[in-house]
Amino acid sequence: MTALYASPRHLWKIYRDYESRNEEMPVATVLGHHPAFHMGACYSGPFEVSEYDVIGGYLGEPLRLIPSETFGDDLLDSADAEIVIEGVLIPNKRVVEGPFGEAPGYLGPQRYTTCAEYQVKAINYRNGAMYQSVITPEGDKPWMDLPREGAYLRRCREAVPGVTAVCKQGRHAHYNVFISMKKMSEGDPARAAAAALTFDHTKNVFVFDEDIDVFNPTDILWAFATRVQPHLQVNILKPLFRGNFLDPSLVDEIKTSGMIVDATRPLDRPFSPVSKCPDEAMARIKLEDYVPGEVLQHIPMDRTTYWA
């Protein structure tokens, strides 16, 4: 016997449907697969869309499925998983779960109300199977945000077609969202930010012009320093939004406050243009002609590496 924590999304809805009928819910837990499988499993769109279809889209081919050891054709397992645990979630049984290391870099809370008792029926694995750990409390894993960035980009573009990129920055900025856009009106940044705030993994949203590379922390800090007057372009939002359980700064069980920072240049008044040496001029200059090599090798040319 073990426990399964279900975020209040698709899995929790399915379990509650079984629980309302006082029935055990068949489940299979996949440990280790192609990265596209895990990305597709993170899907949080309309309930009617199958995650298996999403995974097949990422893979570029249908996901291979086989009957489960325990439930046969009533529950299909992935044929190419490393390890598959099969079992049932028991209705109206809760188990204390955690704390474990989580993606934001902290130990998550102990949980009970959404942790169902999980009775294991079978464990299947490939010869030489590899146990894959995805969420750990140390290190940065920005690739974990790839599926979310795609969802954010789509939703933000629905609100403001001029949005050019959305970045989540991995563990460096887990609940922060960085948006770049070609601003056409002064209301565009707020509309894009409002779209991003519809996700519960969003607390703070920062909006930039299209010339800012939102995947480059140096660009982001430069825009903060030179395009933001805090009393005009920083908006603090009351704690009315659903936050994320793993945010250790929450003072409410689930609600969070938020912040929108508009770091875009104004359209309704003059603003100093960017000063930039022409690329062709820079290409003609060879620093080694002016600075000894033994000195030059100790001068960092790309300060963004300090963030690695």
Protein backbone atom coordinates (compact mmCIF):
# COMPACT_ATOMS: atom_id res chain seq x y z
CA MET A 1 0.00 0.00 0.00
CA THR A 2 1.19 3.51 -0.79
CA ALA A 3 -0.44 6.89 -1.54
CA LEU A 4 -1.13 9.00 -4.60
CA TYR A 5 -1.42 12.77 -4.47
CA ALA A 6 -3.83 14.14 -7.07
CA SER A 7 -3.70 17.81 -7.98
CA PRO A 8 -7.22 19.25 -8.41
CA ARG A 9 -7.17 18.66 -12.16
CA HIS A 10 -8.11 15.77 -14.49
CA LEU A 11 -6.93 12.87 -12.30
CA TRP A 12 -8.72 14.23 -9.24
CA LYS A 13 -11.96 14.62 -11.20
CA ILE A 14 -11.78 11.01 -12.43
CA TYR A 15 -11.05 9.69 -8.95
CA ARG A 16 -13.93 11.66 -7.44
CA ASP A 17 -16.28 10.20 -10.06
CA TYR A 18 -15.26 6.68 -8.98
CA GLU A 19 -15.51 7.69 -5.34
CA SER A 20 -19.04 9.02 -5.80
CA ARG A 21 -19.99 5.47 -6.89
CA ASN A 22 -17.93 3.92 -4.07
CA GLU A 23 -15.80 2.09 -6.66
CA GLU A 24 -12.09 1.38 -6.77
CA MET A 25 -10.30 3.27 -9.54
CA PRO A 26 -7.83 1.27 -11.71
CA VAL A 27 -4.55 3.13 -12.20
CA ALA A 28 -1.17 2.59 -13.81
CA THR A 29 1.89 4.67 -12.88
CA VAL A 30 4.60 5.08 -15.52
CA LEU A 31 8.17 5.54 -14.27
CA GLY A 32 10.48 6.38 -17.15
CA HIS A 33 9.60 6.99 -20.79
CA HIS A 34 10.42 9.19 -23.78
CA PRO A 35 10.47 12.91 -22.77
CA ALA A 36 7.49 13.48 -25.08
CA PHE A 37 5.45 11.12 -22.90
CA HIS A 38 6.09 13.15 -19.77
CA MET A 39 5.48 16.43 -21.60
CA GLY A 40 2.13 15.18 -22.89
CA ALA A 41 1.20 13.85 -19.44
CA CYS A 42 1.48 17.45 -18.16
CA TYR A 43 -1.38 18.50 -20.44
CA SER A 44 -4.01 20.51 -18.55
CA GLY A 45 -6.39 21.64 -21.28
CA PRO A 46 -10.01 20.54 -21.84
CA PHE A 47 -10.94 17.37 -19.98
CA GLU A 48 -12.30 15.71 -23.13
CA VAL A 49 -8.88 15.67 -24.84
CA SER A 50 -6.92 12.45 -24.31
CA GLU A 51 -3.39 12.82 -22.97
CA TYR A 52 -2.46 9.80 -25.11
CA ASP A 53 -3.42 11.81 -28.20
CA VAL A 54 -1.31 14.75 -26.98
CA ILE A 55 1.65 12.43 -26.36
CA GLY A 56 1.28 10.99 -29.86
CA GLY A 57 1.39 14.52 -31.22
CA TYR A 58 4.67 15.21 -29.42
CA LEU A 59 6.11 11.86 -30.53
CA GLY A 60 5.01 12.37 -34.11
CA GLU A 61 3.48 8.87 -34.12
CA PRO A 62 0.77 7.00 -32.15
CA LEU A 63 1.71 5.96 -28.61
CA ARG A 64 2.08 2.17 -28.46
CA LEU A 65 -0.31 0.61 -25.91
CA ILE A 66 -0.76 -2.91 -24.48
CA PRO A 67 -3.34 -4.48 -22.13
CA SER A 68 -2.41 -4.09 -18.48
CA GLU A 69 -1.32 -7.10 -16.44
CA THR A 70 -4.06 -6.58 -13.86
CA PHE A 71 -7.02 -5.16 -15.77
CA GLY A 72 -6.46 -6.38 -19.34
CA ASP A 73 -8.08 -4.26 -22.05
CA ASP A 74 -9.95 -2.22 -19.44
CA LEU A 75 -6.74 -0.29 -18.74
CA LEU A 76 -4.09 0.12 -21.43
CA ASP A 77 -0.43 0.57 -20.42
CA SER A 78 2.33 2.14 -22.46
CA ALA A 79 4.26 -0.57 -24.27
CA ASP A 80 7.56 1.33 -24.10
CA ALA A 81 7.63 2.42 -20.45
CA GLU A 82 10.60 1.49 -18.29
CA ILE A 83 8.51 0.61 -15.21
CA VAL A 84 4.73 0.43 -14.78
CA ILE A 85 3.05 0.09 -11.38
CA GLU A 86 -0.57 -1.11 -11.51
CA GLY A 87 -3.11 -0.86 -8.75
CA VAL A 88 -6.30 0.74 -7.51
CA LEU A 89 -7.17 3.93 -5.67
CA ILE A 90 -9.46 3.15 -2.75
CA PRO A 91 -12.60 5.31 -2.43
CA ASN A 92 -12.97 7.40 0.72
CA LYS A 93 -9.53 6.43 2.02
CA ARG A 94 -6.93 9.16 2.56
CA VAL A 95 -3.25 8.78 3.45
CA VAL A 96 -0.76 11.37 4.71
CA GLU A 97 1.78 11.97 1.92
CA GLY A 98 5.09 13.82 1.92
CA PRO A 99 7.08 15.89 2.42
CA PHE A 100 9.18 15.32 -0.69
CA GLY A 101 11.58 17.49 -2.66
CA GLU A 102 9.65 19.39 -5.30
CA ALA A 103 10.38 21.32 -8.51
CA PRO A 104 10.54 24.83 -6.93
CA GLY A 105 13.57 23.71 -4.91
CA TYR A 106 11.89 23.26 -1.51
CA LEU A 107 10.34 20.39 0.43
CA GLY A 108 6.65 20.28 -0.37
CA PRO A 109 3.99 20.21 2.35
CA GLN A 110 2.51 17.10 3.88
CA ARG A 111 -0.90 16.54 2.33
CA TYR A 112 -3.93 14.49 3.22
CA THR A 113 -7.24 15.67 1.75
CA THR A 114 -6.29 14.90 -1.88
CA CYS A 115 -4.05 11.87 -1.20
CA ALA A 116 -5.84 8.60 -1.95
CA GLU A 117 -4.80 5.18 -0.68
CA TYR A 118 -3.06 3.33 -3.53
CA GLN A 119 -3.09 -0.47 -3.37
CA VAL A 120 -0.44 -1.93 -5.68
CA LYS A 121 -1.43 -5.03 -7.68
CA ALA A 122 1.55 -5.50 -10.01
CA ILE A 123 4.92 -4.01 -10.94
CA ASN A 124 6.09 -4.54 -14.54
CA TYR A 125 9.44 -3.49 -15.97
CA ARG A 126 11.72 -3.88 -18.96
CA ASN A 127 14.92 -5.89 -18.72
CA GLY A 128 17.53 -3.47 -17.39
CA ALA A 129 14.86 -0.87 -16.67
CA MET A 130 15.98 2.61 -15.67
CA TYR A 131 14.22 4.45 -12.86
CA GLN A 132 13.88 8.06 -13.99
CA SER A 133 13.61 10.83 -11.41
CA VAL A 134 12.15 14.01 -12.90
CA ILE A 135 11.35 16.27 -9.96
CA THR A 136 14.16 16.74 -7.44
CA PRO A 137 14.92 19.58 -5.01
CA GLU A 138 18.27 20.54 -6.52
CA GLY A 139 19.45 21.79 -9.87
CA ASP A 140 17.66 23.63 -12.66
CA LYS A 141 15.48 21.82 -15.18
CA PRO A 142 14.11 24.47 -17.54
CA TRP A 143 13.05 21.77 -20.02
CA MET A 144 10.30 20.83 -17.55
CA ASP A 145 8.56 24.06 -18.54
CA LEU A 146 8.52 23.37 -22.29
CA PRO A 147 4.90 22.11 -22.42
CA ARG A 148 3.73 24.93 -20.17
CA GLU A 149 5.51 27.55 -22.26
CA GLY A 150 3.65 26.31 -25.32
CA ALA A 151 0.31 26.55 -23.51
CA TYR A 152 1.15 30.04 -22.21
CA LEU A 153 2.21 31.22 -25.66
CA ARG A 154 -1.01 30.00 -27.25
CA ARG A 155 -3.24 31.62 -24.62
CA CYS A 156 -1.34 34.91 -24.54
CA ARG A 157 -1.45 35.15 -28.34
CA GLU A 158 -5.20 34.60 -28.23
CA ALA A 159 -5.40 37.72 -26.06
CA VAL A 160 -2.69 39.72 -27.87
CA PRO A 161 -1.59 38.44 -31.31
CA GLY A 162 1.62 40.49 -31.07
CA VAL A 163 3.09 38.22 -28.35
CA THR A 164 6.37 36.82 -29.70
CA ALA A 165 7.68 34.57 -26.89
CA VAL A 166 6.91 33.29 -23.39
CA CYS A 167 9.57 32.04 -20.98
CA LYS A 168 9.18 30.30 -17.61
CA GLN A 169 12.94 30.20 -16.72
CA GLY A 170 12.81 26.82 -14.90
CA ARG A 171 13.72 26.76 -11.23
CA HIS A 172 15.32 30.20 -11.53
CA ALA A 173 11.83 31.72 -11.65
CA HIS A 174 9.29 28.98 -11.12
CA TYR A 175 6.11 31.04 -10.73
CA ASN A 176 7.28 33.96 -12.85
CA VAL A 177 6.33 34.36 -16.50
CA PHE A 178 8.31 36.50 -18.96
CA ILE A 179 6.53 37.69 -22.10
CA SER A 180 7.89 39.57 -25.10
CA MET A 181 5.61 41.30 -27.59
CA LYS A 182 5.29 43.78 -30.39
CA LYS A 183 3.14 46.29 -28.56
CA MET A 184 0.50 47.96 -30.68
CA SER A 185 -1.42 49.77 -27.92
CA GLU A 186 -0.89 50.67 -24.28
CA GLY A 187 -3.38 48.03 -23.15
CA ASP A 188 -1.58 45.10 -24.75
CA PRO A 189 0.83 44.23 -21.89
CA ALA A 190 -1.98 44.04 -19.30
CA ARG A 191 -4.11 41.85 -21.56
CA ALA A 192 -1.25 39.41 -22.17
CA ALA A 193 -0.45 39.33 -18.45
CA ALA A 194 -4.10 38.66 -17.58
CA ALA A 195 -4.08 35.70 -19.97
CA ALA A 196 -0.96 34.28 -18.29
CA LEU A 197 -2.55 34.65 -14.85
CA THR A 198 -5.29 32.19 -15.81
CA PHE A 199 -2.74 29.41 -15.11
CA ASP A 200 -2.22 28.43 -11.47
CA HIS A 201 1.54 28.22 -12.03
CA THR A 202 1.63 32.01 -12.45
CA LYS A 203 2.21 34.55 -9.70
CA ASN A 204 4.25 37.34 -11.30
CA VAL A 205 4.15 38.39 -14.96
CA PHE A 206 6.76 40.56 -16.66
CA VAL A 207 6.09 41.96 -20.13
CA PHE A 208 8.79 43.25 -22.49
CA ASP A 209 9.20 44.62 -26.01
CA GLU A 210 10.11 42.24 -28.82
CA ASP A 211 13.76 43.37 -28.79
CA ILE A 212 14.22 41.80 -25.34
CA ASP A 213 15.26 38.13 -25.31
CA VAL A 214 13.14 36.77 -22.45
CA PHE A 215 15.39 33.69 -22.29
CA ASN A 216 18.38 35.91 -21.46
CA PRO A 217 18.52 37.14 -17.82
CA THR A 218 20.88 39.99 -18.76
CA ASP A 219 18.32 41.38 -21.24
CA ILE A 220 15.59 41.07 -18.62
CA LEU A 221 17.54 42.95 -15.95
CA TRP A 222 18.50 45.69 -18.44
CA ALA A 223 14.84 46.25 -19.31
CA PHE A 224 13.88 46.34 -15.61
CA ALA A 225 16.54 48.95 -14.95
CA THR A 226 15.81 51.23 -17.90
CA ARG A 227 12.17 50.80 -18.96
CA VAL A 228 10.30 50.62 -15.65
CA GLN A 229 9.21 53.33 -13.27
CA PRO A 230 7.95 51.23 -10.33
CA HIS A 231 5.23 53.66 -9.22
CA LEU A 232 3.76 53.64 -12.73
CA GLN A 233 4.42 50.20 -14.21
CA VAL A 234 4.33 47.77 -11.28
CA ASN A 235 0.85 46.57 -10.31
CA ILE A 236 0.32 44.52 -7.15
CA LEU A 237 -2.73 42.26 -7.32
CA LYS A 238 -4.75 41.21 -4.27
CA PRO A 239 -4.66 37.53 -3.19
CA LEU A 240 -7.64 36.46 -5.29
CA PHE A 241 -5.93 33.98 -7.63
CA ARG A 242 -5.56 30.25 -7.24
CA GLY A 243 -1.90 29.62 -6.61
CA ASN A 244 0.16 26.45 -6.54
CA PHE A 245 0.34 24.14 -3.52
CA LEU A 246 4.13 23.93 -3.79
CA ASP A 247 4.73 27.69 -3.37
CA PRO A 248 6.18 27.94 0.17
CA SER A 249 5.40 31.68 0.36
CA LEU A 250 1.61 31.13 0.40
CA VAL A 251 -0.10 32.37 3.56
CA ASP A 252 -3.49 31.06 2.42
CA GLU A 253 -4.05 27.38 1.66
CA ILE A 254 -4.24 28.02 -2.06
CA LYS A 255 -4.87 31.69 -2.89
CA THR A 256 -2.00 33.92 -3.97
CA SER A 257 -1.43 37.57 -4.69
CA GLY A 258 0.35 38.56 -7.88
CA MET A 259 2.33 41.21 -9.69
CA ILE A 260 2.35 42.59 -13.23
CA VAL A 261 5.38 44.56 -14.41
CA ASP A 262 5.07 46.39 -17.72
CA ALA A 263 8.66 46.76 -18.94
CA THR A 264 7.67 47.91 -22.42
CA ARG A 265 8.53 51.28 -23.91
CA PRO A 266 5.65 53.79 -24.02
CA LEU A 267 3.86 54.53 -27.28
CA ASP A 268 2.26 57.79 -26.19
CA ARG A 269 5.46 59.79 -25.54
CA PRO A 270 9.03 59.94 -26.88
CA PHE A 271 11.46 57.39 -25.51
CA SER A 272 15.22 57.31 -25.98
CA PRO A 273 16.29 54.92 -28.76
CA VAL A 274 18.69 52.08 -28.02
CA SER A 275 22.34 52.96 -28.51
CA LYS A 276 24.05 50.16 -30.40
CA CYS A 277 27.31 49.95 -32.27
CA PRO A 278 26.74 48.57 -35.79
CA ASP A 279 27.44 44.86 -36.07
CA GLU A 280 29.77 45.38 -39.02
CA ALA A 281 31.90 47.77 -36.96
CA MET A 282 32.11 45.31 -34.07
CA ALA A 283 33.10 42.55 -36.50
CA ARG A 284 36.12 44.59 -37.64
CA ILE A 285 37.50 44.90 -34.08
CA LYS A 286 39.67 42.07 -32.79
CA LEU A 287 40.27 42.50 -29.06
CA GLU A 288 43.38 40.33 -29.18
CA ASP A 289 45.00 43.07 -31.27
CA TYR A 290 44.74 45.44 -28.29
CA VAL A 291 44.64 43.25 -25.16
CA PRO A 292 47.25 40.55 -24.40
CA GLY A 293 45.84 37.02 -24.67
CA GLU A 294 46.77 36.12 -21.08
CA VAL A 295 44.65 39.05 -19.88
CA LEU A 296 41.79 38.56 -22.33
CA GLN A 297 41.19 34.97 -21.27
CA HIS A 298 40.25 36.15 -17.77
CA ILE A 299 37.70 38.73 -18.95
CA PRO A 300 34.15 37.28 -19.23
CA MET A 301 32.70 38.23 -22.60
CA ASP A 302 29.27 36.69 -21.92
CA ARG A 303 28.09 37.54 -18.44
CA THR A 304 24.92 35.46 -18.86
CA THR A 305 27.07 32.40 -18.07
CA TYR A 306 27.13 33.60 -14.46
CA TRP A 307 23.48 32.47 -14.27
CA ALA A 308 24.22 28.89 -15.24
